[in-house]
Every structure is written in structure tokens, then in C-alpha cells.
Amino acid sequence: MDNRVNIYLISGPCGVGKSTVSKEVARMIERSVLIEGDLLNEMIVRDSELSWEERLEINWNNILSLTKNFVQYDYHVVIDYVVETEIEWFIQQLSDLNVQIKYVVLRADVAKLNERLVKRGDPHLIDRSLFLLNQFESSSLHRHYLIDASDREPYEVAEEIVLTT
């Protein structure tokens, strides 16, 4: 029997459904925790001196610290955050632990992303979302991990992640 802890790292562009799918994945797995990267990023409230790169570095180190802590207590970890170039670093940082990392990149059609972002009141994120979608689909680093969430219910996508990745 495999007694390794699973770490589910769920990435993708803005509006693709990362948060909803991540919550579904966490609900499906006994003894799991959900780390929402955006919430950690919002913890830094009033430091305009920090560059985006510095904030990102702090955030990834916080995600890593929390992940290691929960793994130490045998929790499966679901991480909801946009992963651009950090995946190899993250895997390396956990290489000494008995864990299995399940990385997925959610994608959706351009029209679906636009619709979702407008519906939730975030049309200002459309350009960023489309930029990220293009990055994920054209990058050899991410392309292998793409899961299309365009016309599927979040629980269907979550089942695929839990059962097949």
C-alpha cells in the first residue's frame, strides 16, 4: 500500500475555476487541507515597497512552509495558485519528503474565460487571463498537465484530478 501523502497543485489562468475545483478536490479527499495562494498573498496588506517578484517569493515560501507542516502531520495538501515558473523549484524543495505531487493546469476556451471573469466582476483580469492561457498552452513545462475545464462541472474536473493524475 502506498502511504505517501499527495500534494495537488492546481494552476491555470484567472477565471478558469481553480478555486472551485480545488475546493472540490479537497472535499473528495479524507484528511486534506486547502492552501489558497491568493489568500496568503493578501496577508501582506500595506507594503508598497515590495516588488511583485518579492511578494511572489514570499508567497511561494509561505506555501512551501505550510505544505511541509501539513505533510508532517500526514495531511494531503491541495494548493490553489497560479504556477508560472515555480513548479520545478517547488518539487525540488519537497524532494526529501515521502510525497507524490500531482500537478495540473486547468484551461478553458477564451469565450468561457471572458464570460466567467465578467460574471464574477473581474473584467480587468481578462488580459492577464488570456496571457496566462497562452503561456500555459505554449509552454512545454505546462502543456503536458493541461485539463480542459471549459464545459465541465467542477466536480467532474475534480474527479479526474483525484482519480487519474
C-alpha atoms as a PDB file:
ATOM      1  CA  MET A   1       0.000   0.000   0.000  1.00  0.00           C
ATOM      2  CA  ASP A   2       1.276   3.462  -0.908  1.00  0.00           C
ATOM      3  CA  ASN A   3       1.327   5.563   2.258  1.00  0.00           C
ATOM      4  CA  ARG A   4       2.632   8.705   0.624  1.00  0.00           C
ATOM      5  CA  VAL A   5       0.891  11.995   1.100  1.00  0.00           C
ATOM      6  CA  ASN A   6      -0.438  13.585  -2.074  1.00  0.00           C
ATOM      7  CA  ILE A   7       0.095  17.226  -2.917  1.00  0.00           C
ATOM      8  CA  TYR A   8      -2.314  18.513  -5.544  1.00  0.00           C
ATOM      9  CA  LEU A   9      -1.035  21.693  -7.145  1.00  0.00           C
ATOM     10  CA  ILE A  10      -3.830  23.211  -9.220  1.00  0.00           C
ATOM     11  CA  SER A  11      -2.860  26.028 -11.565  1.00  0.00           C
ATOM     12  CA  GLY A  12      -4.341  27.842 -14.540  1.00  0.00           C
ATOM     13  CA  PRO A  13      -5.320  31.308 -15.729  1.00  0.00           C
ATOM     14  CA  CYS A  14      -7.658  33.671 -13.877  1.00  0.00           C
ATOM     15  CA  GLY A  15     -11.311  32.647 -14.167  1.00  0.00           C
ATOM     16  CA  VAL A  16     -10.679  29.039 -15.155  1.00  0.00           C
ATOM     17  CA  GLY A  17     -12.161  27.620 -11.945  1.00  0.00           C
ATOM     18  CA  LYS A  18      -9.042  26.858  -9.895  1.00  0.00           C
ATOM     19  CA  SER A  19     -10.633  27.823  -6.587  1.00  0.00           C
ATOM     20  CA  THR A  20     -13.872  25.942  -7.162  1.00  0.00           C
ATOM     21  CA  VAL A  21     -12.116  22.808  -8.438  1.00  0.00           C
ATOM     22  CA  SER A  22      -9.522  22.956  -5.638  1.00  0.00           C
ATOM     23  CA  LYS A  23     -12.300  23.062  -3.031  1.00  0.00           C
ATOM     24  CA  GLU A  24     -13.954  20.058  -4.692  1.00  0.00           C
ATOM     25  CA  VAL A  25     -10.662  18.120  -4.717  1.00  0.00           C
ATOM     26  CA  ALA A  26     -10.120  18.880  -1.019  1.00  0.00           C
ATOM     27  CA  ARG A  27     -13.691  17.726  -0.223  1.00  0.00           C
ATOM     28  CA  MET A  28     -13.129  14.424  -2.043  1.00  0.00           C
ATOM     29  CA  ILE A  29     -10.002  13.518  -0.111  1.00  0.00           C
ATOM     30  CA  GLU A  30     -10.031  12.436   3.507  1.00  0.00           C
ATOM     31  CA  ARG A  31      -7.568  14.220   5.743  1.00  0.00           C
ATOM     32  CA  SER A  32      -6.853  17.079   3.386  1.00  0.00           C
ATOM     33  CA  VAL A  33      -6.190  20.803   3.659  1.00  0.00           C
ATOM     34  CA  LEU A  34      -6.625  23.571   1.120  1.00  0.00           C
ATOM     35  CA  ILE A  35      -3.981  26.262   0.709  1.00  0.00           C
ATOM     36  CA  GLU A  36      -5.274  29.240  -1.252  1.00  0.00           C
ATOM     37  CA  GLY A  37      -2.272  31.147  -2.576  1.00  0.00           C
ATOM     38  CA  ASP A  38      -4.242  34.337  -3.218  1.00  0.00           C
ATOM     39  CA  LEU A  39      -5.299  34.490   0.440  1.00  0.00           C
ATOM     40  CA  LEU A  40      -1.684  34.188   1.543  1.00  0.00           C
ATOM     41  CA  ASN A  41      -0.707  36.953  -0.866  1.00  0.00           C
ATOM     42  CA  GLU A  42      -3.388  39.211   0.633  1.00  0.00           C
ATOM     43  CA  MET A  43      -1.824  38.823   4.084  1.00  0.00           C
ATOM     44  CA  ILE A  44       0.741  41.461   3.123  1.00  0.00           C
ATOM     45  CA  VAL A  45      -1.531  44.457   3.489  1.00  0.00           C
ATOM     46  CA  ARG A  46       0.433  47.677   3.382  1.00  0.00           C
ATOM     47  CA  ASP A  47       3.894  47.193   1.945  1.00  0.00           C
ATOM     48  CA  SER A  48       4.059  49.119  -1.294  1.00  0.00           C
ATOM     49  CA  GLU A  49       7.849  48.903  -1.129  1.00  0.00           C
ATOM     50  CA  LEU A  50       7.783  45.261  -2.199  1.00  0.00           C
ATOM     51  CA  SER A  51       8.074  44.454  -5.885  1.00  0.00           C
ATOM     52  CA  TRP A  52       5.764  41.824  -7.382  1.00  0.00           C
ATOM     53  CA  GLU A  53       8.737  39.447  -7.570  1.00  0.00           C
ATOM     54  CA  GLU A  54       9.449  39.897  -3.849  1.00  0.00           C
ATOM     55  CA  ARG A  55       5.783  39.321  -2.967  1.00  0.00           C
ATOM     56  CA  LEU A  56       5.741  36.210  -5.150  1.00  0.00           C
ATOM     57  CA  GLU A  57       8.880  34.857  -3.482  1.00  0.00           C
ATOM     58  CA  ILE A  58       7.420  35.415  -0.012  1.00  0.00           C
ATOM     59  CA  ASN A  59       4.152  33.808  -1.060  1.00  0.00           C
ATOM     60  CA  TRP A  60       5.777  30.702  -2.520  1.00  0.00           C
ATOM     61  CA  ASN A  61       7.916  30.298   0.599  1.00  0.00           C
ATOM     62  CA  ASN A  62       4.759  30.539   2.717  1.00  0.00           C
ATOM     63  CA  ILE A  63       3.016  27.945   0.528  1.00  0.00           C
ATOM     64  CA  LEU A  64       6.061  25.690   0.876  1.00  0.00           C
ATOM     65  CA  SER A  65       6.228  26.113   4.667  1.00  0.00           C
ATOM     66  CA  LEU A  66       2.540  25.369   5.130  1.00  0.00           C
ATOM     67  CA  THR A  67       2.764  22.369   2.794  1.00  0.00           C
ATOM     68  CA  LYS A  68       5.708  20.896   4.694  1.00  0.00           C
ATOM     69  CA  ASN A  69       3.961  21.443   8.010  1.00  0.00           C
ATOM     70  CA  PHE A  70       0.751  19.719   6.911  1.00  0.00           C
ATOM     71  CA  VAL A  71       2.677  16.849   5.287  1.00  0.00           C
ATOM     72  CA  GLN A  72       4.499  16.339   8.584  1.00  0.00           C
ATOM     73  CA  TYR A  73       1.095  15.638  10.118  1.00  0.00           C
ATOM     74  CA  ASP A  74       0.054  13.323   7.250  1.00  0.00           C
ATOM     75  CA  TYR A  75      -2.398  15.670   5.576  1.00  0.00           C
ATOM     76  CA  HIS A  76      -2.939  15.614   1.844  1.00  0.00           C
ATOM     77  CA  VAL A  77      -2.459  19.152   0.546  1.00  0.00           C
ATOM     78  CA  VAL A  78      -4.435  20.897  -2.190  1.00  0.00           C
ATOM     79  CA  ILE A  79      -2.840  24.124  -3.428  1.00  0.00           C
ATOM     80  CA  ASP A  80      -4.828  26.652  -5.433  1.00  0.00           C
ATOM     81  CA  TYR A  81      -2.437  29.113  -7.096  1.00  0.00           C
ATOM     82  CA  VAL A  82      -1.120  30.245 -10.452  1.00  0.00           C
ATOM     83  CA  VAL A  83       2.162  28.455 -11.175  1.00  0.00           C
ATOM     84  CA  GLU A  84       4.277  30.139 -13.801  1.00  0.00           C
ATOM     85  CA  THR A  85       7.901  29.033 -13.406  1.00  0.00           C
ATOM     86  CA  GLU A  86       7.882  27.787  -9.801  1.00  0.00           C
ATOM     87  CA  ILE A  87       6.936  24.133 -10.327  1.00  0.00           C
ATOM     88  CA  GLU A  88      10.473  22.747 -10.614  1.00  0.00           C
ATOM     89  CA  TRP A  89      11.638  24.754  -7.574  1.00  0.00           C
ATOM     90  CA  PHE A  90       8.633  23.570  -5.566  1.00  0.00           C
ATOM     91  CA  ILE A  91       9.202  19.907  -6.456  1.00  0.00           C
ATOM     92  CA  GLN A  92      12.893  20.203  -5.575  1.00  0.00           C
ATOM     93  CA  GLN A  93      12.071  21.720  -2.179  1.00  0.00           C
ATOM     94  CA  LEU A  94       9.893  18.699  -1.345  1.00  0.00           C
ATOM     95  CA  SER A  95      12.203  16.029  -2.773  1.00  0.00           C
ATOM     96  CA  ASP A  96      13.268  14.784   0.660  1.00  0.00           C
ATOM     97  CA  LEU A  97       9.686  14.030   1.714  1.00  0.00           C
ATOM     98  CA  ASN A  98       7.618  10.922   1.015  1.00  0.00           C
ATOM     99  CA  VAL A  99       5.073  12.760  -1.145  1.00  0.00           C
ATOM    100  CA  GLN A 100       3.543  12.453  -4.552  1.00  0.00           C
ATOM    101  CA  ILE A 101       2.985  15.746  -6.336  1.00  0.00           C
ATOM    102  CA  LYS A 102       0.027  15.863  -8.680  1.00  0.00           C
ATOM    103  CA  TYR A 103       0.319  18.980 -10.815  1.00  0.00           C
ATOM    104  CA  VAL A 104      -2.485  20.096 -13.116  1.00  0.00           C
ATOM    105  CA  VAL A 105      -3.103  23.196 -15.196  1.00  0.00           C
ATOM    106  CA  LEU A 106      -6.741  23.977 -15.839  1.00  0.00           C
ATOM    107  CA  ARG A 107      -7.622  25.623 -19.124  1.00  0.00           C
ATOM    108  CA  ALA A 108     -10.820  26.905 -20.707  1.00  0.00           C
ATOM    109  CA  ASP A 109     -11.834  28.378 -24.032  1.00  0.00           C
ATOM    110  CA  VAL A 110     -11.257  32.114 -24.456  1.00  0.00           C
ATOM    111  CA  ALA A 111     -15.001  32.826 -24.601  1.00  0.00           C
ATOM    112  CA  LYS A 112     -15.580  30.846 -21.391  1.00  0.00           C
ATOM    113  CA  LEU A 113     -12.785  32.685 -19.555  1.00  0.00           C
ATOM    114  CA  ASN A 114     -14.187  36.055 -20.670  1.00  0.00           C
ATOM    115  CA  GLU A 115     -17.696  35.041 -19.605  1.00  0.00           C
ATOM    116  CA  ARG A 116     -16.590  33.823 -16.176  1.00  0.00           C
ATOM    117  CA  LEU A 117     -14.472  36.891 -15.418  1.00  0.00           C
ATOM    118  CA  VAL A 118     -17.218  39.310 -16.460  1.00  0.00           C
ATOM    119  CA  LYS A 119     -19.822  37.349 -14.462  1.00  0.00           C
ATOM    120  CA  ARG A 120     -17.748  37.466 -11.280  1.00  0.00           C
ATOM    121  CA  GLY A 121     -16.996  41.173 -11.724  1.00  0.00           C
ATOM    122  CA  ASP A 122     -13.338  40.888 -12.749  1.00  0.00           C
ATOM    123  CA  PRO A 123     -13.204  42.039 -16.391  1.00  0.00           C
ATOM    124  CA  HIS A 124      -9.915  43.799 -15.597  1.00  0.00           C
ATOM    125  CA  LEU A 125      -8.324  40.317 -15.335  1.00  0.00           C
ATOM    126  CA  ILE A 126      -9.207  39.256 -18.896  1.00  0.00           C
ATOM    127  CA  ASP A 127      -5.911  40.361 -20.463  1.00  0.00           C
ATOM    128  CA  ARG A 128      -3.894  38.651 -17.696  1.00  0.00           C
ATOM    129  CA  SER A 129      -6.002  35.516 -18.014  1.00  0.00           C
ATOM    130  CA  LEU A 130      -5.549  35.296 -21.777  1.00  0.00           C
ATOM    131  CA  PHE A 131      -1.814  35.940 -21.414  1.00  0.00           C
ATOM    132  CA  LEU A 132      -1.540  33.087 -18.893  1.00  0.00           C
ATOM    133  CA  LEU A 133      -3.675  30.774 -21.038  1.00  0.00           C
ATOM    134  CA  ASN A 134      -1.310  31.346 -23.950  1.00  0.00           C
ATOM    135  CA  GLN A 135       1.721  30.790 -21.711  1.00  0.00           C
ATOM    136  CA  PHE A 136       0.371  27.510 -20.362  1.00  0.00           C
ATOM    137  CA  GLU A 137      -0.696  26.158 -23.742  1.00  0.00           C
ATOM    138  CA  SER A 138       2.563  27.037 -25.482  1.00  0.00           C
ATOM    139  CA  SER A 139       4.970  26.052 -22.702  1.00  0.00           C
ATOM    140  CA  SER A 140       6.499  22.588 -22.727  1.00  0.00           C
ATOM    141  CA  LEU A 141       6.733  22.938 -18.936  1.00  0.00           C
ATOM    142  CA  HIS A 142       2.932  23.088 -18.532  1.00  0.00           C
ATOM    143  CA  ARG A 143       1.364  21.704 -21.720  1.00  0.00           C
ATOM    144  CA  HIS A 144       1.548  18.063 -20.566  1.00  0.00           C
ATOM    145  CA  TYR A 145      -0.512  18.870 -17.446  1.00  0.00           C
ATOM    146  CA  LEU A 146      -3.449  20.664 -19.104  1.00  0.00           C
ATOM    147  CA  ILE A 147      -7.015  19.661 -18.254  1.00  0.00           C
ATOM    148  CA  ASP A 148      -9.850  21.324 -20.155  1.00  0.00           C
ATOM    149  CA  ALA A 149     -12.497  22.720 -17.810  1.00  0.00           C
ATOM    150  CA  SER A 150     -14.453  24.650 -20.437  1.00  0.00           C
ATOM    151  CA  ASP A 151     -17.784  22.842 -20.417  1.00  0.00           C
ATOM    152  CA  ARG A 152     -17.483  20.610 -17.379  1.00  0.00           C
ATOM    153  CA  GLU A 153     -18.806  20.831 -13.867  1.00  0.00           C
ATOM    154  CA  PRO A 154     -16.181  21.467 -11.175  1.00  0.00           C
ATOM    155  CA  TYR A 155     -16.833  18.088  -9.526  1.00  0.00           C
ATOM    156  CA  GLU A 156     -16.147  16.319 -12.872  1.00  0.00           C
ATOM    157  CA  VAL A 157     -12.808  18.075 -13.211  1.00  0.00           C
ATOM    158  CA  ALA A 158     -12.004  17.351  -9.557  1.00  0.00           C
ATOM    159  CA  GLU A 159     -12.796  13.640 -10.022  1.00  0.00           C
ATOM    160  CA  GLU A 160     -10.438  13.494 -12.995  1.00  0.00           C
ATOM    161  CA  ILE A 161      -7.690  15.116 -10.930  1.00  0.00           C
ATOM    162  CA  VAL A 162      -8.141  12.793  -7.961  1.00  0.00           C
ATOM    163  CA  LEU A 163      -8.616   9.590  -9.963  1.00  0.00           C
ATOM    164  CA  THR A 164      -6.201   9.976 -12.873  1.00  0.00           C
ATOM    165  CA  THR A 165      -3.330  12.283 -12.033  1.00  0.00           C
END
